[in-house]
């Protein structure tokens, strides 16, 4: 069982930056591909970024968003720059055990989810 806890959300002005962190407990994150998703009320969960088990493969929807991981610390971070009001959402991290060195985009494949952290970008 993996427990995931997000932190780092908050209120930021447009153009600002935030760094979200996802900290895992219960098991080491090394065997897990990780992803960040976001969701706003009434809309489907949206894939934001993903990273493979060792961190060698990453994907981000936007160049101003970067995902990274530190398996020694059991953390996965999401650096978001040049934030815009449309980035306002609840951001959640997720984990899926994977034998392949690749990221996972489909939310339904993830086994573990954090509670989420609110990001609000004011104009």
PDB file of N, CA and C in Angstrom:
ATOM      1  N   UNK A   1       0.845  -1.187   0.000  1.00  0.00           N
ATOM      2  CA  UNK A   1       0.000   0.000   0.000  1.00  0.00           C
ATOM      3  C   UNK A   1       0.888   1.248   0.000  1.00  0.00           C
ATOM      4  N   UNK A   2       0.539   2.191  -0.831  1.00  0.00           N
ATOM      5  CA  UNK A   2       1.278   3.447  -0.928  1.00  0.00           C
ATOM      6  C   UNK A   2       0.351   4.588  -0.550  1.00  0.00           C
ATOM      7  N   UNK A   3       0.815   5.424   0.351  1.00  0.00           N
ATOM      8  CA  UNK A   3       0.068   6.630   0.700  1.00  0.00           C
ATOM      9  C   UNK A   3       0.777   7.827   0.081  1.00  0.00           C
ATOM     10  N   UNK A   4      -0.004   8.659  -0.565  1.00  0.00           N
ATOM     11  CA  UNK A   4       0.543   9.835  -1.240  1.00  0.00           C
ATOM     12  C   UNK A   4      -0.056  11.097  -0.639  1.00  0.00           C
ATOM     13  N   UNK A   5       0.806  12.054  -0.379  1.00  0.00           N
ATOM     14  CA  UNK A   5       0.356  13.330   0.169  1.00  0.00           C
ATOM     15  C   UNK A   5       0.966  14.464  -0.641  1.00  0.00           C
ATOM     16  N   UNK A   6       0.098  15.318  -1.166  1.00  0.00           N
ATOM     17  CA  UNK A   6       0.564  16.474  -1.939  1.00  0.00           C
ATOM     18  C   UNK A   6       0.716  17.695  -1.036  1.00  0.00           C
ATOM     19  N   UNK A   7       1.615  18.556  -1.428  1.00  0.00           N
ATOM     20  CA  UNK A   7       1.796  19.829  -0.724  1.00  0.00           C
ATOM     21  C   UNK A   7       2.291  20.868  -1.707  1.00  0.00           C
ATOM     22  N   UNK A   8       2.235  22.118  -1.296  1.00  0.00           N
ATOM     23  CA  UNK A   8       2.782  23.194  -2.111  1.00  0.00           C
ATOM     24  C   UNK A   8       1.756  24.011  -2.874  1.00  0.00           C
ATOM     25  N   UNK A   9       0.499  23.619  -2.801  1.00  0.00           N
ATOM     26  CA  UNK A   9      -0.518  24.400  -3.480  1.00  0.00           C
ATOM     27  C   UNK A   9      -0.781  25.714  -2.780  1.00  0.00           C
ATOM     28  N   UNK A  10      -1.575  26.559  -3.423  1.00  0.00           N
ATOM     29  CA  UNK A  10      -1.901  27.844  -2.813  1.00  0.00           C
ATOM     30  C   UNK A  10      -2.399  28.828  -3.843  1.00  0.00           C
ATOM     31  N   UNK A  11      -2.401  30.075  -3.437  1.00  0.00           N
ATOM     32  CA  UNK A  11      -2.862  31.169  -4.289  1.00  0.00           C
ATOM     33  C   UNK A  11      -1.647  31.902  -4.850  1.00  0.00           C
ATOM     34  N   UNK A  12      -1.648  32.105  -6.147  1.00  0.00           N
ATOM     35  CA  UNK A  12      -0.542  32.792  -6.793  1.00  0.00           C
ATOM     36  C   UNK A  12      -1.098  33.701  -7.885  1.00  0.00           C
ATOM     37  N   UNK A  13      -0.413  34.780  -8.150  1.00  0.00           N
ATOM     38  CA  UNK A  13      -0.834  35.675  -9.213  1.00  0.00           C
ATOM     39  C   UNK A  13      -0.405  35.126 -10.570  1.00  0.00           C
ATOM     40  N   UNK A  14      -1.127  35.521 -11.594  1.00  0.00           N
ATOM     41  CA  UNK A  14      -0.782  35.104 -12.950  1.00  0.00           C
ATOM     42  C   UNK A  14       0.666  35.491 -13.251  1.00  0.00           C
ATOM     43  N   UNK A  15       1.367  34.564 -13.871  1.00  0.00           N
ATOM     44  CA  UNK A  15       2.780  34.777 -14.160  1.00  0.00           C
ATOM     45  C   UNK A  15       3.709  34.223 -13.100  1.00  0.00           C
ATOM     46  N   UNK A  16       3.160  33.846 -11.980  1.00  0.00           N
ATOM     47  CA  UNK A  16       3.967  33.328 -10.891  1.00  0.00           C
ATOM     48  C   UNK A  16       4.257  31.846 -11.040  1.00  0.00           C
ATOM     49  N   UNK A  17       4.934  31.309 -10.024  1.00  0.00           N
ATOM     50  CA  UNK A  17       5.345  29.905 -10.050  1.00  0.00           C
ATOM     51  C   UNK A  17       4.937  29.210  -8.766  1.00  0.00           C
ATOM     52  N   UNK A  18       4.769  27.919  -8.885  1.00  0.00           N
ATOM     53  CA  UNK A  18       4.533  27.065  -7.719  1.00  0.00           C
ATOM     54  C   UNK A  18       5.278  25.757  -7.932  1.00  0.00           C
ATOM     55  N   UNK A  19       5.701  25.188  -6.824  1.00  0.00           N
ATOM     56  CA  UNK A  19       6.317  23.859  -6.874  1.00  0.00           C
ATOM     57  C   UNK A  19       5.505  22.951  -5.976  1.00  0.00           C
ATOM     58  N   UNK A  20       4.873  21.982  -6.570  1.00  0.00           N
ATOM     59  CA  UNK A  20       4.092  21.004  -5.826  1.00  0.00           C
ATOM     60  C   UNK A  20       4.963  19.795  -5.519  1.00  0.00           C
ATOM     61  N   UNK A  21       4.744  19.226  -4.361  1.00  0.00           N
ATOM     62  CA  UNK A  21       5.466  18.020  -3.982  1.00  0.00           C
ATOM     63  C   UNK A  21       4.490  16.912  -3.640  1.00  0.00           C
ATOM     64  N   UNK A  22       4.875  15.713  -3.965  1.00  0.00           N
ATOM     65  CA  UNK A  22       4.113  14.515  -3.628  1.00  0.00           C
ATOM     66  C   UNK A  22       5.044  13.615  -2.833  1.00  0.00           C
ATOM     67  N   UNK A  23       4.681  13.366  -1.596  1.00  0.00           N
ATOM     68  CA  UNK A  23       5.511  12.531  -0.725  1.00  0.00           C
ATOM     69  C   UNK A  23       4.811  11.209  -0.470  1.00  0.00           C
ATOM     70  N   UNK A  24       5.548  10.140  -0.642  1.00  0.00           N
ATOM     71  CA  UNK A  24       4.977   8.809  -0.472  1.00  0.00           C
ATOM     72  C   UNK A  24       5.438   8.176   0.826  1.00  0.00           C
ATOM     73  N   UNK A  25       4.579   7.351   1.366  1.00  0.00           N
ATOM     74  CA  UNK A  25       4.936   6.547   2.534  1.00  0.00           C
ATOM     75  C   UNK A  25       4.336   5.164   2.356  1.00  0.00           C
ATOM     76  N   UNK A  26       4.841   4.240   3.128  1.00  0.00           N
ATOM     77  CA  UNK A  26       4.331   2.880   3.060  1.00  0.00           C
ATOM     78  C   UNK A  26       5.212   1.963   2.230  1.00  0.00           C
ATOM     79  N   UNK A  27       5.696   2.451   1.125  1.00  0.00           N
ATOM     80  CA  UNK A  27       6.583   1.686   0.263  1.00  0.00           C
ATOM     81  C   UNK A  27       7.508   2.641  -0.470  1.00  0.00           C
ATOM     82  N   UNK A  28       8.609   2.120  -0.948  1.00  0.00           N
ATOM     83  CA  UNK A  28       9.480   2.938  -1.782  1.00  0.00           C
ATOM     84  C   UNK A  28       8.805   3.196  -3.121  1.00  0.00           C
ATOM     85  N   UNK A  29       9.042   4.384  -3.673  1.00  0.00           N
ATOM     86  CA  UNK A  29       8.419   4.758  -4.945  1.00  0.00           C
ATOM     87  C   UNK A  29       9.166   4.217  -6.160  1.00  0.00           C
ATOM     88  N   UNK A  30      10.305   3.600  -5.943  1.00  0.00           N
ATOM     89  CA  UNK A  30      11.139   3.169  -7.071  1.00  0.00           C
ATOM     90  C   UNK A  30      10.422   2.334  -8.120  1.00  0.00           C
ATOM     91  N   UNK A  31       9.534   1.412  -7.757  1.00  0.00           N
ATOM     92  CA  UNK A  31       8.887   0.595  -8.791  1.00  0.00           C
ATOM     93  C   UNK A  31       7.685   1.260  -9.461  1.00  0.00           C
ATOM     94  N   UNK A  32       7.390   2.502  -9.095  1.00  0.00           N
ATOM     95  CA  UNK A  32       6.162   3.141  -9.541  1.00  0.00           C
ATOM     96  C   UNK A  32       6.416   4.258 -10.555  1.00  0.00           C
ATOM     97  N   UNK A  33       5.674   4.179 -11.658  1.00  0.00           N
ATOM     98  CA  UNK A  33       5.578   5.356 -12.517  1.00  0.00           C
ATOM     99  C   UNK A  33       4.637   6.332 -11.825  1.00  0.00           C
ATOM    100  N   UNK A  34       4.945   7.614 -11.953  1.00  0.00           N
ATOM    101  CA  UNK A  34       4.180   8.623 -11.236  1.00  0.00           C
ATOM    102  C   UNK A  34       3.571   9.622 -12.212  1.00  0.00           C
ATOM    103  N   UNK A  35       2.458  10.170 -11.793  1.00  0.00           N
ATOM    104  CA  UNK A  35       1.814  11.173 -12.626  1.00  0.00           C
ATOM    105  C   UNK A  35       1.187  12.258 -11.784  1.00  0.00           C
ATOM    106  N   UNK A  36       1.024  13.403 -12.393  1.00  0.00           N
ATOM    107  CA  UNK A  36       0.262  14.502 -11.810  1.00  0.00           C
ATOM    108  C   UNK A  36      -0.948  14.764 -12.701  1.00  0.00           C
ATOM    109  N   UNK A  37      -2.088  14.927 -12.053  1.00  0.00           N
ATOM    110  CA  UNK A  37      -3.342  15.219 -12.737  1.00  0.00           C
ATOM    111  C   UNK A  37      -3.970  16.448 -12.104  1.00  0.00           C
ATOM    112  N   UNK A  38      -4.876  17.058 -12.837  1.00  0.00           N
ATOM    113  CA  UNK A  38      -5.612  18.166 -12.261  1.00  0.00           C
ATOM    114  C   UNK A  38      -7.078  18.043 -12.634  1.00  0.00           C
ATOM    115  N   UNK A  39      -7.903  18.655 -11.794  1.00  0.00           N
ATOM    116  CA  UNK A  39      -9.338  18.584 -12.021  1.00  0.00           C
ATOM    117  C   UNK A  39     -10.012  19.830 -11.502  1.00  0.00           C
ATOM    118  N   UNK A  40     -10.981  20.312 -12.280  1.00  0.00           N
ATOM    119  CA  UNK A  40     -11.821  21.420 -11.861  1.00  0.00           C
ATOM    120  C   UNK A  40     -13.260  20.917 -11.786  1.00  0.00           C
ATOM    121  N   UNK A  41     -14.108  21.571 -11.010  1.00  0.00           N
ATOM    122  CA  UNK A  41     -15.487  21.100 -10.840  1.00  0.00           C
ATOM    123  C   UNK A  41     -16.208  20.944 -12.175  1.00  0.00           C
ATOM    124  N   UNK A  42     -16.839  19.812 -12.361  1.00  0.00           N
ATOM    125  CA  UNK A  42     -17.619  19.576 -13.559  1.00  0.00           C
ATOM    126  C   UNK A  42     -16.831  19.118 -14.758  1.00  0.00           C
ATOM    127  N   UNK A  43     -15.524  18.994 -14.586  1.00  0.00           N
ATOM    128  CA  UNK A  43     -14.686  18.574 -15.714  1.00  0.00           C
ATOM    129  C   UNK A  43     -13.955  17.282 -15.387  1.00  0.00           C
ATOM    130  N   UNK A  44     -13.535  16.601 -16.428  1.00  0.00           N
ATOM    131  CA  UNK A  44     -12.805  15.358 -16.240  1.00  0.00           C
ATOM    132  C   UNK A  44     -11.389  15.639 -15.745  1.00  0.00           C
ATOM    133  N   UNK A  45     -10.864  14.649 -15.053  1.00  0.00           N
ATOM    134  CA  UNK A  45      -9.489  14.736 -14.612  1.00  0.00           C
ATOM    135  C   UNK A  45      -8.566  14.817 -15.826  1.00  0.00           C
ATOM    136  N   UNK A  46      -7.577  15.686 -15.727  1.00  0.00           N
ATOM    137  CA  UNK A  46      -6.693  15.942 -16.858  1.00  0.00           C
ATOM    138  C   UNK A  46      -5.257  15.578 -16.509  1.00  0.00           C
ATOM    139  N   UNK A  47      -4.599  14.845 -17.374  1.00  0.00           N
ATOM    140  CA  UNK A  47      -3.201  14.484 -17.188  1.00  0.00           C
ATOM    141  C   UNK A  47      -2.336  15.724 -17.377  1.00  0.00           C
ATOM    142  N   UNK A  48      -1.437  15.963 -16.425  1.00  0.00           N
ATOM    143  CA  UNK A  48      -0.563  17.140 -16.483  1.00  0.00           C
ATOM    144  C   UNK A  48       0.862  16.737 -16.850  1.00  0.00           C
ATOM    145  N   UNK A  49       1.371  15.741 -16.163  1.00  0.00           N
ATOM    146  CA  UNK A  49       2.758  15.316 -16.394  1.00  0.00           C
ATOM    147  C   UNK A  49       2.953  13.915 -15.852  1.00  0.00           C
ATOM    148  N   UNK A  50       3.924  13.215 -16.426  1.00  0.00           N
ATOM    149  CA  UNK A  50       4.228  11.864 -15.967  1.00  0.00           C
ATOM    150  C   UNK A  50       5.715  11.612 -15.992  1.00  0.00           C
ATOM    151  N   UNK A  51       6.141  10.641 -15.186  1.00  0.00           N
ATOM    152  CA  UNK A  51       7.565  10.323 -15.101  1.00  0.00           C
ATOM    153  C   UNK A  51       7.717   8.826 -14.873  1.00  0.00           C
ATOM    154  N   UNK A  52       8.733   8.265 -15.508  1.00  0.00           N
ATOM    155  CA  UNK A  52       8.968   6.830 -15.392  1.00  0.00           C
ATOM    156  C   UNK A  52       9.595   6.490 -14.048  1.00  0.00           C
ATOM    157  N   UNK A  53       9.768   5.198 -13.808  1.00  0.00           N
ATOM    158  CA  UNK A  53      10.223   4.759 -12.490  1.00  0.00           C
ATOM    159  C   UNK A  53      11.577   5.341 -12.094  1.00  0.00           C
ATOM    160  N   UNK A  54      12.507   5.398 -13.026  1.00  0.00           N
ATOM    161  CA  UNK A  54      13.831   5.930 -12.690  1.00  0.00           C
ATOM    162  C   UNK A  54      13.956   7.415 -12.980  1.00  0.00           C
ATOM    163  N   UNK A  55      12.958   7.969 -13.645  1.00  0.00           N
ATOM    164  CA  UNK A  55      12.988   9.389 -13.970  1.00  0.00           C
ATOM    165  C   UNK A  55      13.607   9.710 -15.311  1.00  0.00           C
ATOM    166  N   UNK A  56      13.964   8.694 -16.068  1.00  0.00           N
ATOM    167  CA  UNK A  56      14.640   8.953 -17.343  1.00  0.00           C
ATOM    168  C   UNK A  56      13.671   9.367 -18.441  1.00  0.00           C
ATOM    169  N   UNK A  57      12.407   9.029 -18.281  1.00  0.00           N
ATOM    170  CA  UNK A  57      11.387   9.450 -19.251  1.00  0.00           C
ATOM    171  C   UNK A  57      10.355  10.317 -18.559  1.00  0.00           C
ATOM    172  N   UNK A  58      10.134  11.477 -19.152  1.00  0.00           N
ATOM    173  CA  UNK A  58       9.144  12.383 -18.596  1.00  0.00           C
ATOM    174  C   UNK A  58       8.275  12.927 -19.713  1.00  0.00           C
ATOM    175  N   UNK A  59       7.112  13.389 -19.312  1.00  0.00           N
ATOM    176  CA  UNK A  59       6.211  14.051 -20.257  1.00  0.00           C
ATOM    177  C   UNK A  59       5.474  15.143 -19.511  1.00  0.00           C
ATOM    178  N   UNK A  60       5.300  16.267 -20.181  1.00  0.00           N
ATOM    179  CA  UNK A  60       4.537  17.361 -19.611  1.00  0.00           C
ATOM    180  C   UNK A  60       3.671  17.960 -20.700  1.00  0.00           C
ATOM    181  N   UNK A  61       2.452  18.347 -20.339  1.00  0.00           N
ATOM    182  CA  UNK A  61       1.556  18.959 -21.316  1.00  0.00           C
ATOM    183  C   UNK A  61       2.108  20.269 -21.831  1.00  0.00           C
ATOM    184  N   UNK A  62       2.819  20.964 -20.978  1.00  0.00           N
ATOM    185  CA  UNK A  62       3.316  22.275 -21.349  1.00  0.00           C
ATOM    186  C   UNK A  62       4.787  22.392 -20.958  1.00  0.00           C
ATOM    187  N   UNK A  63       5.534  23.125 -21.771  1.00  0.00           N
ATOM    188  CA  UNK A  63       6.962  23.281 -21.515  1.00  0.00           C
ATOM    189  C   UNK A  63       7.238  24.020 -20.215  1.00  0.00           C
ATOM    190  N   UNK A  64       6.296  24.798 -19.745  1.00  0.00           N
ATOM    191  CA  UNK A  64       6.519  25.571 -18.521  1.00  0.00           C
ATOM    192  C   UNK A  64       6.257  24.735 -17.264  1.00  0.00           C
ATOM    193  N   UNK A  65       5.893  23.477 -17.468  1.00  0.00           N
ATOM    194  CA  UNK A  65       5.653  22.561 -16.351  1.00  0.00           C
ATOM    195  C   UNK A  65       6.672  21.432 -16.426  1.00  0.00           C
ATOM    196  N   UNK A  66       7.337  21.175 -15.305  1.00  0.00           N
ATOM    197  CA  UNK A  66       8.375  20.149 -15.264  1.00  0.00           C
ATOM    198  C   UNK A  66       8.112  19.184 -14.116  1.00  0.00           C
ATOM    199  N   UNK A  67       8.258  17.912 -14.402  1.00  0.00           N
ATOM    200  CA  UNK A  67       8.111  16.892 -13.373  1.00  0.00           C
ATOM    201  C   UNK A  67       9.470  16.280 -13.077  1.00  0.00           C
ATOM    202  N   UNK A  68       9.697  15.977 -11.812  1.00  0.00           N
ATOM    203  CA  UNK A  68      10.950  15.346 -11.410  1.00  0.00           C
ATOM    204  C   UNK A  68      10.671  14.443 -10.216  1.00  0.00           C
ATOM    205  N   UNK A  69      11.625  13.574  -9.924  1.00  0.00           N
ATOM    206  CA  UNK A  69      11.444  12.681  -8.779  1.00  0.00           C
ATOM    207  C   UNK A  69      12.776  12.428  -8.093  1.00  0.00           C
ATOM    208  N   UNK A  70      12.681  12.107  -6.823  1.00  0.00           N
ATOM    209  CA  UNK A  70      13.851  11.716  -6.040  1.00  0.00           C
ATOM    210  C   UNK A  70      13.463  10.435  -5.306  1.00  0.00           C
ATOM    211  N   UNK A  71      13.896   9.326  -5.831  1.00  0.00           N
ATOM    212  CA  UNK A  71      13.502   8.048  -5.228  1.00  0.00           C
ATOM    213  C   UNK A  71      14.145   7.828  -3.861  1.00  0.00           C
ATOM    214  N   UNK A  72      15.236   8.518  -3.584  1.00  0.00           N
ATOM    215  CA  UNK A  72      15.857   8.382  -2.262  1.00  0.00           C
ATOM    216  C   UNK A  72      15.026   9.079  -1.194  1.00  0.00           C
ATOM    217  N   UNK A  73      14.263  10.077  -1.626  1.00  0.00           N
ATOM    218  CA  UNK A  73      13.418  10.822  -0.683  1.00  0.00           C
ATOM    219  C   UNK A  73      11.949  10.440  -0.823  1.00  0.00           C
ATOM    220  N   UNK A  74      11.654   9.577  -1.786  1.00  0.00           N
ATOM    221  CA  UNK A  74      10.265   9.167  -2.027  1.00  0.00           C
ATOM    222  C   UNK A  74       9.367  10.351  -2.371  1.00  0.00           C
ATOM    223  N   UNK A  75       9.877  11.222  -3.222  1.00  0.00           N
ATOM    224  CA  UNK A  75       9.103  12.394  -3.592  1.00  0.00           C
ATOM    225  C   UNK A  75       9.060  12.566  -5.106  1.00  0.00           C
ATOM    226  N   UNK A  76       7.992  13.207  -5.539  1.00  0.00           N
ATOM    227  CA  UNK A  76       7.838  13.591  -6.936  1.00  0.00           C
ATOM    228  C   UNK A  76       7.372  15.036  -6.942  1.00  0.00           C
ATOM    229  N   UNK A  77       8.042  15.872  -7.680  1.00  0.00           N
ATOM    230  CA  UNK A  77       7.731  17.298  -7.697  1.00  0.00           C
ATOM    231  C   UNK A  77       7.171  17.728  -9.047  1.00  0.00           C
ATOM    232  N   UNK A  78       6.393  18.801  -8.983  1.00  0.00           N
ATOM    233  CA  UNK A  78       5.860  19.411 -10.197  1.00  0.00           C
ATOM    234  C   UNK A  78       6.152  20.900 -10.125  1.00  0.00           C
ATOM    235  N   UNK A  79       7.047  21.343 -10.967  1.00  0.00           N
ATOM    236  CA  UNK A  79       7.398  22.761 -11.026  1.00  0.00           C
ATOM    237  C   UNK A  79       6.548  23.417 -12.106  1.00  0.00           C
ATOM    238  N   UNK A  80       5.792  24.420 -11.712  1.00  0.00           N
ATOM    239  CA  UNK A  80       4.913  25.107 -12.661  1.00  0.00           C
ATOM    240  C   UNK A  80       5.283  26.578 -12.706  1.00  0.00           C
ATOM    241  N   UNK A  81       5.638  27.037 -13.877  1.00  0.00           N
ATOM    242  CA  UNK A  81       6.024  28.425 -14.088  1.00  0.00           C
ATOM    243  C   UNK A  81       5.014  29.143 -14.975  1.00  0.00           C
ATOM    244  N   UNK A  82       5.074  30.445 -14.956  1.00  0.00           N
ATOM    245  CA  UNK A  82       4.188  31.275 -15.792  1.00  0.00           C
ATOM    246  C   UNK A  82       2.736  30.824 -15.667  1.00  0.00           C
ATOM    247  N   UNK A  83       2.296  30.677 -14.456  1.00  0.00           N
ATOM    248  CA  UNK A  83       0.944  30.182 -14.217  1.00  0.00           C
ATOM    249  C   UNK A  83      -0.108  31.154 -14.723  1.00  0.00           C
ATOM    250  N   UNK A  84      -1.198  30.572 -15.216  1.00  0.00           N
ATOM    251  CA  UNK A  84      -2.313  31.353 -15.744  1.00  0.00           C
ATOM    252  C   UNK A  84      -3.594  30.959 -15.008  1.00  0.00           C
ATOM    253  N   UNK A  85      -4.606  31.827 -15.019  1.00  0.00           N
ATOM    254  CA  UNK A  85      -5.862  31.507 -14.325  1.00  0.00           C
ATOM    255  C   UNK A  85      -6.451  30.162 -14.744  1.00  0.00           C
ATOM    256  N   UNK A  86      -6.235  29.767 -15.981  1.00  0.00           N
ATOM    257  CA  UNK A  86      -6.781  28.480 -16.427  1.00  0.00           C
ATOM    258  C   UNK A  86      -6.058  27.287 -15.818  1.00  0.00           C
ATOM    259  N   UNK A  87      -4.957  27.530 -15.107  1.00  0.00           N
ATOM    260  CA  UNK A  87      -4.267  26.460 -14.394  1.00  0.00           C
ATOM    261  C   UNK A  87      -4.903  26.185 -13.033  1.00  0.00           C
ATOM    262  N   UNK A  88      -5.859  26.997 -12.655  1.00  0.00           N
ATOM    263  CA  UNK A  88      -6.541  26.800 -11.380  1.00  0.00           C
ATOM    264  C   UNK A  88      -7.254  25.448 -11.369  1.00  0.00           C
ATOM    265  N   UNK A  89      -6.942  24.660 -10.352  1.00  0.00           N
ATOM    266  CA  UNK A  89      -7.500  23.299 -10.262  1.00  0.00           C
ATOM    267  C   UNK A  89      -7.003  22.654  -8.982  1.00  0.00           C
ATOM    268  N   UNK A  90      -7.545  21.495  -8.702  1.00  0.00           N
ATOM    269  CA  UNK A  90      -6.980  20.626  -7.668  1.00  0.00           C
ATOM    270  C   UNK A  90      -5.994  19.694  -8.366  1.00  0.00           C
ATOM    271  N   UNK A  91      -4.781  19.693  -7.867  1.00  0.00           N
ATOM    272  CA  UNK A  91      -3.722  18.877  -8.455  1.00  0.00           C
ATOM    273  C   UNK A  91      -3.476  17.659  -7.568  1.00  0.00           C
ATOM    274  N   UNK A  92      -3.448  16.494  -8.214  1.00  0.00           N
ATOM    275  CA  UNK A  92      -3.249  15.243  -7.481  1.00  0.00           C
ATOM    276  C   UNK A  92      -2.114  14.443  -8.095  1.00  0.00           C
ATOM    277  N   UNK A  93      -1.374  13.768  -7.238  1.00  0.00           N
ATOM    278  CA  UNK A  93      -0.362  12.851  -7.760  1.00  0.00           C
ATOM    279  C   UNK A  93      -0.882  11.425  -7.670  1.00  0.00           C
ATOM    280  N   UNK A  94      -0.321  10.578  -8.489  1.00  0.00           N
ATOM    281  CA  UNK A  94      -0.776   9.201  -8.559  1.00  0.00           C
ATOM    282  C   UNK A  94       0.396   8.276  -8.864  1.00  0.00           C
ATOM    283  N   UNK A  95       0.250   7.009  -8.465  1.00  0.00           N
ATOM    284  CA  UNK A  95       1.319   6.027  -8.635  1.00  0.00           C
ATOM    285  C   UNK A  95       0.767   4.740  -9.226  1.00  0.00           C
ATOM    286  N   UNK A  96       1.545   4.145 -10.117  1.00  0.00           N
ATOM    287  CA  UNK A  96       1.200   2.845 -10.675  1.00  0.00           C
ATOM    288  C   UNK A  96       2.483   2.025 -10.776  1.00  0.00           C
ATOM    289  N   UNK A  97       2.429   0.795 -10.270  1.00  0.00           N
ATOM    290  CA  UNK A  97       3.606  -0.059 -10.357  1.00  0.00           C
ATOM    291  C   UNK A  97       3.846  -0.440 -11.810  1.00  0.00           C
ATOM    292  N   UNK A  98       5.087  -0.312 -12.234  1.00  0.00           N
ATOM    293  CA  UNK A  98       5.371  -0.505 -13.653  1.00  0.00           C
ATOM    294  C   UNK A  98       6.684  -1.243 -13.844  1.00  0.00           C
ATOM    295  N   UNK A  99       6.680  -2.191 -14.788  1.00  0.00           N
ATOM    296  CA  UNK A  99       7.907  -2.900 -15.143  1.00  0.00           C
ATOM    297  C   UNK A  99       8.636  -2.209 -16.288  1.00  0.00           C
ATOM    298  N   UNK A 100       7.965  -1.235 -16.886  1.00  0.00           N
ATOM    299  CA  UNK A 100       8.512  -0.592 -18.069  1.00  0.00           C
ATOM    300  C   UNK A 100       8.987   0.817 -17.737  1.00  0.00           C
ATOM    301  N   UNK A 101      10.044   1.225 -18.394  1.00  0.00           N
ATOM    302  CA  UNK A 101      10.610   2.553 -18.177  1.00  0.00           C
ATOM    303  C   UNK A 101       9.866   3.541 -19.062  1.00  0.00           C
ATOM    304  N   UNK A 102       8.682   3.945 -18.583  1.00  0.00           N
ATOM    305  CA  UNK A 102       7.863   4.871 -19.360  1.00  0.00           C
ATOM    306  C   UNK A 102       6.881   5.555 -18.430  1.00  0.00           C
ATOM    307  N   UNK A 103       6.344   6.674 -18.874  1.00  0.00           N
ATOM    308  CA  UNK A 103       5.326   7.359 -18.098  1.00  0.00           C
ATOM    309  C   UNK A 103       3.957   6.810 -18.509  1.00  0.00           C
ATOM    310  N   UNK A 104       2.961   7.093 -17.707  1.00  0.00           N
ATOM    311  CA  UNK A 104       1.603   6.587 -17.926  1.00  0.00           C
ATOM    312  C   UNK A 104       0.646   7.765 -17.960  1.00  0.00           C
ATOM    313  N   UNK A 105      -0.105   7.895 -19.040  1.00  0.00           N
ATOM    314  CA  UNK A 105      -0.988   9.036 -19.212  1.00  0.00           C
ATOM    315  C   UNK A 105      -2.424   8.771 -18.768  1.00  0.00           C
ATOM    316  N   UNK A 106      -2.827   7.527 -18.745  1.00  0.00           N
ATOM    317  CA  UNK A 106      -4.233   7.206 -18.514  1.00  0.00           C
ATOM    318  C   UNK A 106      -4.504   7.099 -17.027  1.00  0.00           C
ATOM    319  N   UNK A 107      -5.418   7.922 -16.541  1.00  0.00           N
ATOM    320  CA  UNK A 107      -5.679   7.970 -15.106  1.00  0.00           C
ATOM    321  C   UNK A 107      -6.192   6.636 -14.572  1.00  0.00           C
ATOM    322  N   UNK A 108      -6.943   5.913 -15.391  1.00  0.00           N
ATOM    323  CA  UNK A 108      -7.514   4.643 -14.954  1.00  0.00           C
ATOM    324  C   UNK A 108      -6.491   3.568 -14.654  1.00  0.00           C
ATOM    325  N   UNK A 109      -5.271   3.775 -15.106  1.00  0.00           N
ATOM    326  CA  UNK A 109      -4.231   2.774 -14.863  1.00  0.00           C
ATOM    327  C   UNK A 109      -3.544   2.963 -13.519  1.00  0.00           C
ATOM    328  N   UNK A 110      -3.758   4.087 -12.892  1.00  0.00           N
ATOM    329  CA  UNK A 110      -3.078   4.360 -11.631  1.00  0.00           C
ATOM    330  C   UNK A 110      -3.784   3.654 -10.474  1.00  0.00           C
ATOM    331  N   UNK A 111      -2.983   3.182  -9.547  1.00  0.00           N
ATOM    332  CA  UNK A 111      -3.503   2.426  -8.417  1.00  0.00           C
ATOM    333  C   UNK A 111      -3.667   3.266  -7.152  1.00  0.00           C
ATOM    334  N   UNK A 112      -2.832   4.257  -6.997  1.00  0.00           N
ATOM    335  CA  UNK A 112      -2.833   5.048  -5.761  1.00  0.00           C
ATOM    336  C   UNK A 112      -2.912   6.529  -6.100  1.00  0.00           C
ATOM    337  N   UNK A 113      -3.678   7.226  -5.264  1.00  0.00           N
ATOM    338  CA  UNK A 113      -3.909   8.652  -5.467  1.00  0.00           C
ATOM    339  C   UNK A 113      -3.773   9.403  -4.151  1.00  0.00           C
ATOM    340  N   UNK A 114      -3.269  10.623  -4.273  1.00  0.00           N
ATOM    341  CA  UNK A 114      -3.289  11.508  -3.124  1.00  0.00           C
ATOM    342  C   UNK A 114      -4.619  12.240  -3.050  1.00  0.00           C
ATOM    343  N   UNK A 115      -4.764  13.026  -1.992  1.00  0.00           N
ATOM    344  CA  UNK A 115      -6.019  13.759  -1.788  1.00  0.00           C
ATOM    345  C   UNK A 115      -6.105  15.008  -2.647  1.00  0.00           C
ATOM    346  N   UNK A 116      -4.980  15.480  -3.090  1.00  0.00           N
ATOM    347  CA  UNK A 116      -4.970  16.665  -3.934  1.00  0.00           C
ATOM    348  C   UNK A 116      -4.620  17.930  -3.172  1.00  0.00           C
ATOM    349  N   UNK A 117      -4.129  18.897  -3.913  1.00  0.00           N
ATOM    350  CA  UNK A 117      -3.816  20.206  -3.350  1.00  0.00           C
ATOM    351  C   UNK A 117      -4.351  21.276  -4.298  1.00  0.00           C
ATOM    352  N   UNK A 118      -4.968  22.288  -3.727  1.00  0.00           N
ATOM    353  CA  UNK A 118      -5.610  23.320  -4.531  1.00  0.00           C
ATOM    354  C   UNK A 118      -4.581  24.333  -5.022  1.00  0.00           C
ATOM    355  N   UNK A 119      -4.654  24.613  -6.306  1.00  0.00           N
ATOM    356  CA  UNK A 119      -3.858  25.681  -6.916  1.00  0.00           C
ATOM    357  C   UNK A 119      -4.833  26.706  -7.483  1.00  0.00           C
ATOM    358  N   UNK A 120      -4.695  27.940  -7.039  1.00  0.00           N
ATOM    359  CA  UNK A 120      -5.549  29.014  -7.522  1.00  0.00           C
ATOM    360  C   UNK A 120      -4.671  30.122  -8.083  1.00  0.00           C
ATOM    361  N   UNK A 121      -4.928  30.473  -9.330  1.00  0.00           N
ATOM    362  CA  UNK A 121      -4.151  31.514  -9.997  1.00  0.00           C
ATOM    363  C   UNK A 121      -5.070  32.701 -10.255  1.00  0.00           C
ATOM    364  N   UNK A 122      -4.723  33.827  -9.681  1.00  0.00           N
ATOM    365  CA  UNK A 122      -5.543  35.026  -9.842  1.00  0.00           C
ATOM    366  C   UNK A 122      -5.022  35.860 -11.008  1.00  0.00           C
ATOM    367  N   UNK A 123      -5.952  36.547 -11.658  1.00  0.00           N
ATOM    368  CA  UNK A 123      -5.567  37.369 -12.828  1.00  0.00           C
ATOM    369  C   UNK A 123      -5.194  38.763 -12.408  1.00  0.00           C
TER     370      UNK A 123
END
